[in-house]
Amino acid sequence: MQSSLTRRITLSMVALAVGGIILVAVLINLALTFNFTRYLGTVQEEQNRLILDTLAELYSRSTSWQAIRLSTMYVGSTTGTQIRVYDMRGRLIVDSLTGMMQGTHSDY
């Protein structure tokens, strides 16, 4: 009788320990996933700001949209980011994906 009670208590403690370990692992996984996702978002926003600043400077120095197209495609390919530039009317001027350069800065 005593050994049966001891066995039950031991199994209960083992089950409680395993459950606690699993719970802690799940909570740590959730926390790490949340923080990593937030970090990636911050890095992406900073990268977008840098790309935008670079393109704005190129635009202020350039007189031709062709130079902007080439620069945009270069920046997009080196950063691994798809960059789309639109004019004030909302028309696509350039898309940084290879083979996707579309639109011109003239009326259709």
C-alpha atoms as a PDB file:
ATOM      1  CA  MET A   1       0.000   0.000   0.000  1.00  0.00           C
ATOM      2  CA  GLN A   2       2.835   2.364   0.927  1.00  0.00           C
ATOM      3  CA  SER A   3       4.696   1.675  -2.325  1.00  0.00           C
ATOM      4  CA  SER A   4       1.534   2.356  -4.374  1.00  0.00           C
ATOM      5  CA  LEU A   5       1.083   5.759  -2.715  1.00  0.00           C
ATOM      6  CA  THR A   6       4.768   6.586  -3.209  1.00  0.00           C
ATOM      7  CA  ARG A   7       4.546   5.591  -6.857  1.00  0.00           C
ATOM      8  CA  ARG A   8       1.467   7.797  -7.414  1.00  0.00           C
ATOM      9  CA  ILE A   9       3.102  10.786  -5.752  1.00  0.00           C
ATOM     10  CA  THR A  10       6.274  10.246  -7.781  1.00  0.00           C
ATOM     11  CA  LEU A  11       4.339   9.989 -11.049  1.00  0.00           C
ATOM     12  CA  SER A  12       2.333  13.096 -10.135  1.00  0.00           C
ATOM     13  CA  MET A  13       5.527  15.051  -9.458  1.00  0.00           C
ATOM     14  CA  VAL A  14       7.085  13.857 -12.725  1.00  0.00           C
ATOM     15  CA  ALA A  15       3.943  14.814 -14.659  1.00  0.00           C
ATOM     16  CA  LEU A  16       3.875  18.212 -12.956  1.00  0.00           C
ATOM     17  CA  ALA A  17       7.562  18.795 -13.759  1.00  0.00           C
ATOM     18  CA  VAL A  18       7.121  17.786 -17.413  1.00  0.00           C
ATOM     19  CA  GLY A  19       4.032  19.992 -17.708  1.00  0.00           C
ATOM     20  CA  GLY A  20       5.927  22.917 -16.188  1.00  0.00           C
ATOM     21  CA  ILE A  21       8.837  22.420 -18.561  1.00  0.00           C
ATOM     22  CA  ILE A  22       6.493  22.319 -21.558  1.00  0.00           C
ATOM     23  CA  LEU A  23       4.656  25.439 -20.367  1.00  0.00           C
ATOM     24  CA  VAL A  24       7.907  27.361 -19.889  1.00  0.00           C
ATOM     25  CA  ALA A  25       9.152  26.233 -23.317  1.00  0.00           C
ATOM     26  CA  VAL A  26       5.937  27.420 -24.992  1.00  0.00           C
ATOM     27  CA  LEU A  27       6.065  30.789 -23.201  1.00  0.00           C
ATOM     28  CA  ILE A  28       9.722  31.306 -24.126  1.00  0.00           C
ATOM     29  CA  ASN A  29       8.971  30.374 -27.740  1.00  0.00           C
ATOM     30  CA  LEU A  30       6.112  32.885 -27.886  1.00  0.00           C
ATOM     31  CA  ALA A  31       8.248  35.637 -26.357  1.00  0.00           C
ATOM     32  CA  LEU A  32      11.157  34.991 -28.714  1.00  0.00           C
ATOM     33  CA  THR A  33       8.877  34.848 -31.748  1.00  0.00           C
ATOM     34  CA  PHE A  34       7.192  38.118 -30.797  1.00  0.00           C
ATOM     35  CA  ASN A  35      10.487  39.919 -30.169  1.00  0.00           C
ATOM     36  CA  PHE A  36      12.115  38.550 -33.329  1.00  0.00           C
ATOM     37  CA  THR A  37       9.135  39.606 -35.438  1.00  0.00           C
ATOM     38  CA  ARG A  38       9.275  43.077 -33.895  1.00  0.00           C
ATOM     39  CA  TYR A  39      13.034  43.226 -34.567  1.00  0.00           C
ATOM     40  CA  LEU A  40      12.556  42.238 -38.206  1.00  0.00           C
ATOM     41  CA  GLY A  41       9.887  44.927 -38.601  1.00  0.00           C
ATOM     42  CA  THR A  42      12.217  47.549 -37.142  1.00  0.00           C
ATOM     43  CA  VAL A  43      15.063  46.480 -39.418  1.00  0.00           C
ATOM     44  CA  GLN A  44      12.743  46.556 -42.447  1.00  0.00           C
ATOM     45  CA  GLU A  45      11.493  50.046 -41.568  1.00  0.00           C
ATOM     46  CA  GLU A  46      15.054  51.322 -41.192  1.00  0.00           C
ATOM     47  CA  GLN A  47      16.046  49.726 -44.492  1.00  0.00           C
ATOM     48  CA  ASN A  48      13.030  51.314 -46.179  1.00  0.00           C
ATOM     49  CA  ARG A  49      13.985  54.722 -44.759  1.00  0.00           C
ATOM     50  CA  LEU A  50      17.530  54.368 -46.071  1.00  0.00           C
ATOM     51  CA  ILE A  51      16.286  53.314 -49.498  1.00  0.00           C
ATOM     52  CA  LEU A  52      13.845  56.213 -49.576  1.00  0.00           C
ATOM     53  CA  ASP A  53      16.548  58.701 -48.584  1.00  0.00           C
ATOM     54  CA  THR A  54      18.880  57.293 -51.244  1.00  0.00           C
ATOM     55  CA  LEU A  55      16.231  57.517 -53.946  1.00  0.00           C
ATOM     56  CA  ALA A  56      15.257  61.042 -52.889  1.00  0.00           C
ATOM     57  CA  GLU A  57      18.877  62.150 -53.153  1.00  0.00           C
ATOM     58  CA  LEU A  58      19.269  60.450 -56.532  1.00  0.00           C
ATOM     59  CA  TYR A  59      16.097  62.146 -57.748  1.00  0.00           C
ATOM     60  CA  SER A  60      17.287  65.569 -56.596  1.00  0.00           C
ATOM     61  CA  ARG A  61      20.616  65.111 -58.412  1.00  0.00           C
ATOM     62  CA  SER A  62      19.337  63.441 -61.563  1.00  0.00           C
ATOM     63  CA  THR A  63      17.758  64.995 -64.595  1.00  0.00           C
ATOM     64  CA  SER A  64      16.635  61.787 -66.247  1.00  0.00           C
ATOM     65  CA  TRP A  65      14.122  59.175 -65.181  1.00  0.00           C
ATOM     66  CA  GLN A  66      16.317  56.529 -66.815  1.00  0.00           C
ATOM     67  CA  ALA A  67      19.006  57.181 -64.189  1.00  0.00           C
ATOM     68  CA  ILE A  68      16.361  56.810 -61.476  1.00  0.00           C
ATOM     69  CA  ARG A  69      15.181  53.531 -63.024  1.00  0.00           C
ATOM     70  CA  LEU A  70      18.689  52.113 -63.163  1.00  0.00           C
ATOM     71  CA  SER A  71      19.507  53.252 -59.632  1.00  0.00           C
ATOM     72  CA  THR A  72      16.242  51.848 -58.288  1.00  0.00           C
ATOM     73  CA  MET A  73      16.846  48.500 -59.931  1.00  0.00           C
ATOM     74  CA  TYR A  74      20.394  48.433 -58.536  1.00  0.00           C
ATOM     75  CA  VAL A  75      19.323  49.353 -54.997  1.00  0.00           C
ATOM     76  CA  GLY A  76      16.455  46.841 -55.145  1.00  0.00           C
ATOM     77  CA  SER A  77      18.664  44.017 -56.354  1.00  0.00           C
ATOM     78  CA  THR A  78      21.424  44.678 -53.806  1.00  0.00           C
ATOM     79  CA  THR A  79      19.053  44.971 -50.843  1.00  0.00           C
ATOM     80  CA  GLY A  80      16.709  42.182 -51.903  1.00  0.00           C
ATOM     81  CA  THR A  81      13.783  44.567 -51.662  1.00  0.00           C
ATOM     82  CA  GLN A  82      11.127  45.238 -54.253  1.00  0.00           C
ATOM     83  CA  ILE A  83      11.030  48.975 -54.843  1.00  0.00           C
ATOM     84  CA  ARG A  84       8.242  50.625 -56.762  1.00  0.00           C
ATOM     85  CA  VAL A  85       8.380  54.301 -57.656  1.00  0.00           C
ATOM     86  CA  TYR A  86       5.158  56.084 -58.576  1.00  0.00           C
ATOM     87  CA  ASP A  87       4.690  59.556 -59.987  1.00  0.00           C
ATOM     88  CA  MET A  88       2.342  62.147 -58.510  1.00  0.00           C
ATOM     89  CA  ARG A  89      -0.563  60.742 -60.542  1.00  0.00           C
ATOM     90  CA  GLY A  90      -0.067  57.268 -59.127  1.00  0.00           C
ATOM     91  CA  ARG A  91       1.451  55.778 -62.268  1.00  0.00           C
ATOM     92  CA  LEU A  92       4.204  53.212 -61.851  1.00  0.00           C
ATOM     93  CA  ILE A  93       7.509  54.613 -63.041  1.00  0.00           C
ATOM     94  CA  VAL A  94       9.813  51.768 -62.088  1.00  0.00           C
ATOM     95  CA  ASP A  95       9.646  48.386 -60.388  1.00  0.00           C
ATOM     96  CA  SER A  96      12.953  47.004 -59.143  1.00  0.00           C
ATOM     97  CA  LEU A  97      12.126  43.385 -59.947  1.00  0.00           C
ATOM     98  CA  THR A  98      14.143  42.166 -62.902  1.00  0.00           C
ATOM     99  CA  GLY A  99      12.135  42.289 -66.081  1.00  0.00           C
ATOM    100  CA  MET A 100       9.377  44.252 -64.424  1.00  0.00           C
ATOM    101  CA  MET A 101      10.476  47.783 -65.351  1.00  0.00           C
ATOM    102  CA  GLN A 102       7.236  49.345 -66.455  1.00  0.00           C
ATOM    103  CA  GLY A 103       5.796  52.683 -67.224  1.00  0.00           C
ATOM    104  CA  THR A 104       7.353  55.888 -68.362  1.00  0.00           C
ATOM    105  CA  HIS A 105       7.102  59.410 -67.171  1.00  0.00           C
ATOM    106  CA  SER A 106       4.955  60.534 -70.051  1.00  0.00           C
ATOM    107  CA  ASP A 107       1.250  60.415 -70.766  1.00  0.00           C
ATOM    108  CA  TYR A 108      -0.048  57.112 -72.065  1.00  0.00           C
END
